[in-house]
C-alpha atoms as a PDB file:
ATOM      1  CA  MET A   1      23.014  44.479  22.005  1.00  0.00           C
ATOM      2  CA  GLU A   2      24.751  43.125  25.093  1.00  0.00           C
ATOM      3  CA  ILE A   3      23.719  42.355  28.651  1.00  0.00           C
ATOM      4  CA  THR A   4      25.554  40.652  31.524  1.00  0.00           C
ATOM      5  CA  VAL A   5      23.665  37.732  33.047  1.00  0.00           C
ATOM      6  CA  ASN A   6      25.222  36.071  36.093  1.00  0.00           C
ATOM      7  CA  GLY A   7      28.633  37.446  35.108  1.00  0.00           C
ATOM      8  CA  ILE A   8      28.428  36.270  31.471  1.00  0.00           C
ATOM      9  CA  LYS A   9      28.220  38.773  28.612  1.00  0.00           C
ATOM     10  CA  ILE A  10      25.269  37.815  26.437  1.00  0.00           C
ATOM     11  CA  ASN A  11      24.507  38.982  22.921  1.00  0.00           C
ATOM     12  CA  TYR A  12      20.855  39.544  22.071  1.00  0.00           C
ATOM     13  CA  ILE A  13      18.623  41.450  19.687  1.00  0.00           C
ATOM     14  CA  GLU A  14      15.300  43.217  20.136  1.00  0.00           C
ATOM     15  CA  GLN A  15      12.992  44.182  17.311  1.00  0.00           C
ATOM     16  CA  GLY A  16       9.425  45.448  17.049  1.00  0.00           C
ATOM     17  CA  SER A  17       6.847  46.381  19.669  1.00  0.00           C
ATOM     18  CA  GLY A  18       3.843  44.713  21.229  1.00  0.00           C
ATOM     19  CA  ALA A  19       3.482  41.519  23.239  1.00  0.00           C
ATOM     20  CA  PRO A  20       6.863  39.845  23.874  1.00  0.00           C
ATOM     21  CA  VAL A  21       8.179  36.854  21.932  1.00  0.00           C
ATOM     22  CA  LEU A  22      11.331  35.155  23.222  1.00  0.00           C
ATOM     23  CA  MET A  23      13.295  32.974  20.791  1.00  0.00           C
ATOM     24  CA  LEU A  24      15.806  30.340  21.915  1.00  0.00           C
ATOM     25  CA  HIS A  25      18.122  28.773  19.338  1.00  0.00           C
ATOM     26  CA  GLY A  26      19.513  25.263  18.976  1.00  0.00           C
ATOM     27  CA  TRP A  27      22.793  23.742  20.134  1.00  0.00           C
ATOM     28  CA  GLY A  28      25.861  25.518  18.713  1.00  0.00           C
ATOM     29  CA  SER A  29      23.704  27.954  16.739  1.00  0.00           C
ATOM     30  CA  SER A  30      22.832  31.619  17.322  1.00  0.00           C
ATOM     31  CA  VAL A  31      20.196  34.260  16.627  1.00  0.00           C
ATOM     32  CA  VAL A  32      21.237  34.422  12.962  1.00  0.00           C
ATOM     33  CA  PRO A  33      19.074  31.541  11.599  1.00  0.00           C
ATOM     34  CA  PHE A  34      16.037  33.239  13.183  1.00  0.00           C
ATOM     35  CA  THR A  35      16.445  36.425  11.110  1.00  0.00           C
ATOM     36  CA  ALA A  36      13.510  35.820   8.757  1.00  0.00           C
ATOM     37  CA  ILE A  37      11.166  34.831  11.592  1.00  0.00           C
ATOM     38  CA  ILE A  38      12.234  37.857  13.651  1.00  0.00           C
ATOM     39  CA  ASN A  39      11.533  40.170  10.714  1.00  0.00           C
ATOM     40  CA  LEU A  40       8.134  38.548  10.208  1.00  0.00           C
ATOM     41  CA  LEU A  41       6.952  38.611  13.812  1.00  0.00           C
ATOM     42  CA  SER A  42       8.329  42.046  14.685  1.00  0.00           C
ATOM     43  CA  ASN A  43       5.573  43.587  12.548  1.00  0.00           C
ATOM     44  CA  LYS A  44       3.224  42.801  15.441  1.00  0.00           C
ATOM     45  CA  TYR A  45       5.344  41.638  18.379  1.00  0.00           C
ATOM     46  CA  HIS A  46       8.299  42.718  20.495  1.00  0.00           C
ATOM     47  CA  VAL A  47      10.745  39.968  19.527  1.00  0.00           C
ATOM     48  CA  ILE A  48      13.790  39.152  21.661  1.00  0.00           C
ATOM     49  CA  ALA A  49      16.369  36.561  20.613  1.00  0.00           C
ATOM     50  CA  LEU A  50      19.581  35.734  22.451  1.00  0.00           C
ATOM     51  CA  ASP A  51      22.796  33.813  21.918  1.00  0.00           C
ATOM     52  CA  PHE A  52      23.178  31.151  24.601  1.00  0.00           C
ATOM     53  CA  PRO A  53      26.518  31.163  26.478  1.00  0.00           C
ATOM     54  CA  GLY A  54      29.247  29.699  24.295  1.00  0.00           C
ATOM     55  CA  CYS A  55      27.263  30.400  21.120  1.00  0.00           C
ATOM     56  CA  GLY A  56      27.197  33.240  18.620  1.00  0.00           C
ATOM     57  CA  LYS A  57      28.659  36.395  20.137  1.00  0.00           C
ATOM     58  CA  SER A  58      28.056  35.467  23.785  1.00  0.00           C
ATOM     59  CA  GLU A  59      30.754  34.555  26.283  1.00  0.00           C
ATOM     60  CA  THR A  60      31.204  30.954  27.365  1.00  0.00           C
ATOM     61  CA  MET A  61      30.308  29.818  30.857  1.00  0.00           C
ATOM     62  CA  SER A  62      33.202  28.719  33.083  1.00  0.00           C
ATOM     63  CA  GLU A  63      31.606  25.478  34.311  1.00  0.00           C
ATOM     64  CA  PRO A  64      29.482  22.811  32.593  1.00  0.00           C
ATOM     65  CA  TRP A  65      25.745  23.478  32.686  1.00  0.00           C
ATOM     66  CA  THR A  66      22.653  21.337  33.074  1.00  0.00           C
ATOM     67  CA  VAL A  67      19.180  21.979  31.655  1.00  0.00           C
ATOM     68  CA  ASP A  68      18.320  23.597  35.002  1.00  0.00           C
ATOM     69  CA  ASP A  69      21.209  26.027  34.570  1.00  0.00           C
ATOM     70  CA  TYR A  70      19.918  27.061  31.141  1.00  0.00           C
ATOM     71  CA  CYS A  71      16.447  27.594  32.581  1.00  0.00           C
ATOM     72  CA  ASN A  72      17.707  29.684  35.486  1.00  0.00           C
ATOM     73  CA  PHE A  73      19.729  31.718  32.995  1.00  0.00           C
ATOM     74  CA  VAL A  74      16.661  32.413  30.824  1.00  0.00           C
ATOM     75  CA  VAL A  75      14.581  33.393  33.850  1.00  0.00           C
ATOM     76  CA  LYS A  76      17.297  35.822  34.968  1.00  0.00           C
ATOM     77  CA  PHE A  77      17.607  37.224  31.432  1.00  0.00           C
ATOM     78  CA  CYS A  78      13.861  37.892  31.383  1.00  0.00           C
ATOM     79  CA  GLU A  79      14.006  39.563  34.800  1.00  0.00           C
ATOM     80  CA  LEU A  80      16.823  41.881  33.726  1.00  0.00           C
ATOM     81  CA  LEU A  81      14.960  42.943  30.582  1.00  0.00           C
ATOM     82  CA  SER A  82      11.534  43.033  32.273  1.00  0.00           C
ATOM     83  CA  ILE A  83      10.156  40.425  29.870  1.00  0.00           C
ATOM     84  CA  GLU A  84       6.860  39.114  31.241  1.00  0.00           C
ATOM     85  CA  ASN A  85       4.641  36.325  29.943  1.00  0.00           C
ATOM     86  CA  PRO A  86       6.418  35.934  26.587  1.00  0.00           C
ATOM     87  CA  ILE A  87       5.397  33.682  23.744  1.00  0.00           C
ATOM     88  CA  LEU A  88       8.209  31.124  23.611  1.00  0.00           C
ATOM     89  CA  ILE A  89       9.767  29.816  20.405  1.00  0.00           C
ATOM     90  CA  GLY A  90      12.544  27.251  20.576  1.00  0.00           C
ATOM     91  CA  HIS A  91      14.537  25.289  18.042  1.00  0.00           C
ATOM     92  CA  SER A  92      16.189  22.004  19.034  1.00  0.00           C
ATOM     93  CA  HIS A  93      18.083  22.686  22.291  1.00  0.00           C
ATOM     94  CA  GLY A  94      16.109  25.911  22.748  1.00  0.00           C
ATOM     95  CA  GLY A  95      12.942  23.831  22.702  1.00  0.00           C
ATOM     96  CA  ARG A  96      14.435  21.534  25.308  1.00  0.00           C
ATOM     97  CA  VAL A  97      14.926  24.527  27.609  1.00  0.00           C
ATOM     98  CA  ILE A  98      11.354  25.680  26.981  1.00  0.00           C
ATOM     99  CA  MET A  99      10.085  22.189  27.800  1.00  0.00           C
ATOM    100  CA  LYS A 100      11.620  22.519  31.268  1.00  0.00           C
ATOM    101  CA  LEU A 101      10.693  26.185  31.753  1.00  0.00           C
ATOM    102  CA  VAL A 102       7.008  25.616  31.016  1.00  0.00           C
ATOM    103  CA  GLY A 103       6.694  22.080  32.358  1.00  0.00           C
ATOM    104  CA  ASP A 104       8.156  23.093  35.720  1.00  0.00           C
ATOM    105  CA  ASN A 105       6.247  26.391  35.732  1.00  0.00           C
ATOM    106  CA  MET A 106       9.452  28.434  35.862  1.00  0.00           C
ATOM    107  CA  LEU A 107       8.125  30.865  33.264  1.00  0.00           C
ATOM    108  CA  SER A 108       4.529  31.588  32.321  1.00  0.00           C
ATOM    109  CA  CYS A 109       3.628  32.029  28.665  1.00  0.00           C
ATOM    110  CA  PRO A 110       0.500  32.271  26.523  1.00  0.00           C
ATOM    111  CA  LYS A 111       1.790  30.113  23.647  1.00  0.00           C
ATOM    112  CA  VAL A 112       4.698  27.803  22.809  1.00  0.00           C
ATOM    113  CA  ILE A 113       6.185  27.004  19.413  1.00  0.00           C
ATOM    114  CA  PHE A 114       8.546  24.037  19.096  1.00  0.00           C
ATOM    115  CA  LEU A 115      10.761  23.921  16.005  1.00  0.00           C
ATOM    116  CA  ASP A 116      12.289  20.444  15.588  1.00  0.00           C
ATOM    117  CA  THR A 117      12.849  20.439  19.315  1.00  0.00           C
ATOM    118  CA  ALA A 118      14.995  18.237  21.531  1.00  0.00           C
ATOM    119  CA  GLY A 119      14.162  17.022  25.034  1.00  0.00           C
ATOM    120  CA  LEU A 120      13.307  13.372  24.548  1.00  0.00           C
ATOM    121  CA  ILE A 121      15.887  10.615  24.837  1.00  0.00           C
ATOM    122  CA  PRO A 122      15.267   8.039  22.094  1.00  0.00           C
ATOM    123  CA  LYS A 123      15.694   4.329  22.656  1.00  0.00           C
ATOM    124  CA  LYS A 124      19.275   3.519  21.662  1.00  0.00           C
ATOM    125  CA  SER A 125      19.951   0.997  18.920  1.00  0.00           C
ATOM    126  CA  PHE A 126      22.309  -1.921  19.574  1.00  0.00           C
ATOM    127  CA  LYS A 127      24.916  -0.214  17.366  1.00  0.00           C
ATOM    128  CA  LYS A 128      24.630   3.000  19.382  1.00  0.00           C
ATOM    129  CA  LYS A 129      24.948   1.117  22.674  1.00  0.00           C
ATOM    130  CA  VAL A 130      28.109  -0.614  21.456  1.00  0.00           C
ATOM    131  CA  LYS A 131      29.586   2.713  20.339  1.00  0.00           C
ATOM    132  CA  ILE A 132      28.917   4.343  23.714  1.00  0.00           C
ATOM    133  CA  ALA A 133      30.240   1.367  25.659  1.00  0.00           C
ATOM    134  CA  SER A 134      33.396   1.272  23.519  1.00  0.00           C
ATOM    135  CA  PHE A 135      34.159   4.933  24.140  1.00  0.00           C
ATOM    136  CA  LYS A 136      33.563   4.603  27.881  1.00  0.00           C
ATOM    137  CA  PHE A 137      35.918   1.608  28.045  1.00  0.00           C
ATOM    138  CA  ILE A 138      38.633   3.435  26.082  1.00  0.00           C
ATOM    139  CA  LYS A 139      38.192   6.582  28.179  1.00  0.00           C
ATOM    140  CA  ARG A 140      38.553   4.633  31.435  1.00  0.00           C
ATOM    141  CA  ALA A 141      41.650   2.882  30.119  1.00  0.00           C
ATOM    142  CA  LEU A 142      43.296   6.107  28.951  1.00  0.00           C
ATOM    143  CA  THR A 143      42.639   7.915  32.231  1.00  0.00           C
ATOM    144  CA  LEU A 144      44.255   5.290  34.449  1.00  0.00           C
ATOM    145  CA  PRO A 145      46.976   6.923  36.613  1.00  0.00           C
ATOM    146  CA  VAL A 146      49.750   4.832  35.096  1.00  0.00           C
ATOM    147  CA  ILE A 147      49.191   6.181  31.566  1.00  0.00           C
ATOM    148  CA  LYS A 148      47.134   9.336  32.151  1.00  0.00           C
ATOM    149  CA  ASN A 149      50.058  11.708  31.563  1.00  0.00           C
ATOM    150  CA  PHE A 150      50.819  10.162  28.169  1.00  0.00           C
ATOM    151  CA  SER A 151      47.329   9.537  26.785  1.00  0.00           C
ATOM    152  CA  GLY A 152      45.966  13.022  26.079  1.00  0.00           C
ATOM    153  CA  ASN A 153      46.362  12.808  22.313  1.00  0.00           C
ATOM    154  CA  LEU A 154      44.895   9.313  22.188  1.00  0.00           C
ATOM    155  CA  LEU A 155      41.884  10.427  24.215  1.00  0.00           C
ATOM    156  CA  ASN A 156      41.271  13.310  21.833  1.00  0.00           C
ATOM    157  CA  LYS A 157      41.443  10.881  18.910  1.00  0.00           C
ATOM    158  CA  ALA A 158      38.887   8.658  20.629  1.00  0.00           C
ATOM    159  CA  ARG A 159      36.561  11.629  21.197  1.00  0.00           C
ATOM    160  CA  ASN A 160      36.880  12.595  17.534  1.00  0.00           C
ATOM    161  CA  HIS A 161      36.154   9.051  16.410  1.00  0.00           C
ATOM    162  CA  PHE A 162      33.183   8.298  18.668  1.00  0.00           C
ATOM    163  CA  GLY A 163      31.699  11.774  19.207  1.00  0.00           C
ATOM    164  CA  SER A 164      29.161  13.635  17.070  1.00  0.00           C
ATOM    165  CA  ALA A 165      30.157  16.618  14.943  1.00  0.00           C
ATOM    166  CA  ASP A 166      28.687  18.992  17.558  1.00  0.00           C
ATOM    167  CA  TYR A 167      30.617  17.234  20.313  1.00  0.00           C
ATOM    168  CA  ARG A 168      33.906  17.335  18.411  1.00  0.00           C
ATOM    169  CA  ALA A 169      33.533  21.026  17.601  1.00  0.00           C
ATOM    170  CA  ALA A 170      32.831  22.147  21.161  1.00  0.00           C
ATOM    171  CA  PRO A 171      35.370  23.234  23.809  1.00  0.00           C
ATOM    172  CA  GLU A 172      35.640  21.023  26.888  1.00  0.00           C
ATOM    173  CA  VAL A 173      33.146  22.968  29.023  1.00  0.00           C
ATOM    174  CA  LEU A 174      30.518  22.704  26.267  1.00  0.00           C
ATOM    175  CA  ARG A 175      31.303  19.035  25.661  1.00  0.00           C
ATOM    176  CA  LYS A 176      30.510  18.283  29.282  1.00  0.00           C
ATOM    177  CA  THR A 177      27.440  20.505  29.069  1.00  0.00           C
ATOM    178  CA  MET A 178      26.266  18.659  25.971  1.00  0.00           C
ATOM    179  CA  VAL A 179      26.586  15.313  27.764  1.00  0.00           C
ATOM    180  CA  ASN A 180      24.490  16.697  30.625  1.00  0.00           C
ATOM    181  CA  VAL A 181      21.665  18.044  28.481  1.00  0.00           C
ATOM    182  CA  VAL A 182      21.323  15.265  25.906  1.00  0.00           C
ATOM    183  CA  ASN A 183      21.019  12.711  28.707  1.00  0.00           C
ATOM    184  CA  THR A 184      18.085  14.551  30.295  1.00  0.00           C
ATOM    185  CA  ASP A 185      14.653  13.272  29.278  1.00  0.00           C
ATOM    186  CA  LEU A 186      11.884  15.816  29.820  1.00  0.00           C
ATOM    187  CA  ARG A 187       8.830  14.060  28.434  1.00  0.00           C
ATOM    188  CA  HIS A 188       7.326  13.681  31.922  1.00  0.00           C
ATOM    189  CA  LEU A 189       6.904  17.477  32.037  1.00  0.00           C
ATOM    190  CA  LEU A 190       4.764  17.714  28.915  1.00  0.00           C
ATOM    191  CA  LYS A 191       1.592  16.750  30.785  1.00  0.00           C
ATOM    192  CA  ASN A 192       1.953  20.031  32.707  1.00  0.00           C
ATOM    193  CA  PHE A 193       1.585  22.233  29.617  1.00  0.00           C
ATOM    194  CA  ASN A 194      -1.586  24.328  29.765  1.00  0.00           C
ATOM    195  CA  CYS A 195      -1.007  26.698  26.846  1.00  0.00           C
ATOM    196  CA  PRO A 196      -1.603  26.254  23.093  1.00  0.00           C
ATOM    197  CA  THR A 197       1.479  24.576  21.647  1.00  0.00           C
ATOM    198  CA  LEU A 198       2.483  24.401  17.995  1.00  0.00           C
ATOM    199  CA  LEU A 199       5.011  21.934  16.628  1.00  0.00           C
ATOM    200  CA  ILE A 200       6.727  22.638  13.292  1.00  0.00           C
ATOM    201  CA  TRP A 201       8.826  19.673  12.207  1.00  0.00           C
ATOM    202  CA  GLY A 202      10.890  18.515   9.272  1.00  0.00           C
ATOM    203  CA  GLU A 203       9.655  15.291   7.719  1.00  0.00           C
ATOM    204  CA  ASN A 204      13.226  14.071   7.282  1.00  0.00           C
ATOM    205  CA  ASP A 205      14.734  15.354  10.546  1.00  0.00           C
ATOM    206  CA  THR A 206      17.380  12.855  11.688  1.00  0.00           C
ATOM    207  CA  ASP A 207      18.592  14.809  14.753  1.00  0.00           C
ATOM    208  CA  THR A 208      15.183  14.981  16.433  1.00  0.00           C
ATOM    209  CA  PRO A 209      13.097  12.500  14.417  1.00  0.00           C
ATOM    210  CA  LEU A 210       9.467  13.038  13.526  1.00  0.00           C
ATOM    211  CA  ARG A 211       8.481  10.278  15.957  1.00  0.00           C
ATOM    212  CA  ASP A 212       9.569  12.636  18.771  1.00  0.00           C
ATOM    213  CA  ALA A 213       7.141  15.263  17.508  1.00  0.00           C
ATOM    214  CA  LYS A 214       4.294  12.748  17.564  1.00  0.00           C
ATOM    215  CA  ILE A 215       5.138  11.797  21.154  1.00  0.00           C
ATOM    216  CA  ILE A 216       5.143  15.464  22.198  1.00  0.00           C
ATOM    217  CA  GLU A 217       1.858  16.087  20.378  1.00  0.00           C
ATOM    218  CA  ALA A 218       0.273  13.136  22.173  1.00  0.00           C
ATOM    219  CA  LEU A 219       1.455  14.300  25.623  1.00  0.00           C
ATOM    220  CA  VAL A 220       0.644  18.025  25.345  1.00  0.00           C
ATOM    221  CA  ARG A 221      -3.099  18.522  25.675  1.00  0.00           C
ATOM    222  CA  ASP A 222      -3.597  21.603  23.498  1.00  0.00           C
ATOM    223  CA  SER A 223      -1.134  20.965  20.680  1.00  0.00           C
ATOM    224  CA  GLY A 224      -0.912  20.590  16.927  1.00  0.00           C
ATOM    225  CA  LEU A 225       1.780  19.283  14.607  1.00  0.00           C
ATOM    226  CA  CYS A 226       2.681  20.791  11.230  1.00  0.00           C
ATOM    227  CA  ILE A 227       5.024  18.627   9.157  1.00  0.00           C
ATOM    228  CA  ILE A 228       7.259  20.302   6.579  1.00  0.00           C
ATOM    229  CA  LYS A 229       7.732  17.940   3.644  1.00  0.00           C
ATOM    230  CA  ASN A 230      11.261  17.190   2.427  1.00  0.00           C
ATOM    231  CA  ALA A 231      12.757  19.226   5.289  1.00  0.00           C
ATOM    232  CA  GLY A 232      15.374  18.310   7.877  1.00  0.00           C
ATOM    233  CA  HIS A 233      16.335  19.497  11.352  1.00  0.00           C
ATOM    234  CA  PHE A 234      16.169  23.155  10.284  1.00  0.00           C
ATOM    235  CA  ALA A 235      12.730  22.868   8.719  1.00  0.00           C
ATOM    236  CA  PHE A 236      12.061  26.581   9.225  1.00  0.00           C
ATOM    237  CA  LEU A 237      15.052  27.334   6.978  1.00  0.00           C
ATOM    238  CA  ASP A 238      14.393  24.544   4.486  1.00  0.00           C
ATOM    239  CA  ASN A 239      10.908  25.918   3.781  1.00  0.00           C
ATOM    240  CA  PRO A 240      10.664  29.487   5.108  1.00  0.00           C
ATOM    241  CA  VAL A 241       7.532  30.302   3.087  1.00  0.00           C
ATOM    242  CA  GLN A 242       5.449  27.487   4.580  1.00  0.00           C
ATOM    243  CA  THR A 243       6.873  28.153   8.031  1.00  0.00           C
ATOM    244  CA  ALA A 244       5.913  31.831   7.778  1.00  0.00           C
ATOM    245  CA  ALA A 245       2.356  30.928   6.762  1.00  0.00           C
ATOM    246  CA  ILE A 246       1.999  28.555   9.723  1.00  0.00           C
ATOM    247  CA  LEU A 247       3.388  31.106  12.186  1.00  0.00           C
ATOM    248  CA  LYS A 248       1.159  33.899  10.860  1.00  0.00           C
ATOM    249  CA  SER A 249      -1.899  31.703  11.324  1.00  0.00           C
ATOM    250  CA  PHE A 250      -0.982  30.573  14.840  1.00  0.00           C
ATOM    251  CA  LEU A 251       0.078  34.028  16.046  1.00  0.00           C
ATOM    252  CA  ASN A 252      -2.537  36.032  14.151  1.00  0.00           C
ATOM    253  CA  CYS A 253      -0.085  38.299  12.376  1.00  0.00           C
END
């Protein structure tokens, strides 16, 4: 299905009937990895999942976004589809958006489910600091007026060398968006959560490490953490059977 939100064509799916469940995917992903969870929950709930701008089958935004922009987009999406008080499920970047939506009271919800979510900025290692500083120095040097017109290829090589796989794969508008969102720490909002919150996390997640989950669990009053053994950043895909059992218990379905 397709809907236009703030001038951007957005792909989304709806399945089932009952109380609404809104699912928000991770960076560079889409609704597709959620298929099994959608099929499970739609037996009892009205499940809605969307492709963020620049992901899946949705159009890309014209300007770089911040976390606030993603939140305003989700609120508008819910208004257009008359989605009220949805249960919120977010993976990685989708969880980051939910952290802001709920923590800033932009969207009310009865329950939250975080799947290996982002939103906390970890303390950078010395190696990471050196890598960032090196790229910034090279970028400044290559954008000096005297060589700017001749350095485009070198700058791209530097981005490819120093950037993550997600960063390298993204078009420029999403690269700038990624820089905006990953440098936004939202942990201060977690104290504002007043709804039951479930965390499902991969034991071996290296993108959003398990220590992040324990910080979130400690800061959210009514929360519980379920650790999926031998699973990574997509724990819900690595062990769909255990994930389904946990979701069925938490959502009574």
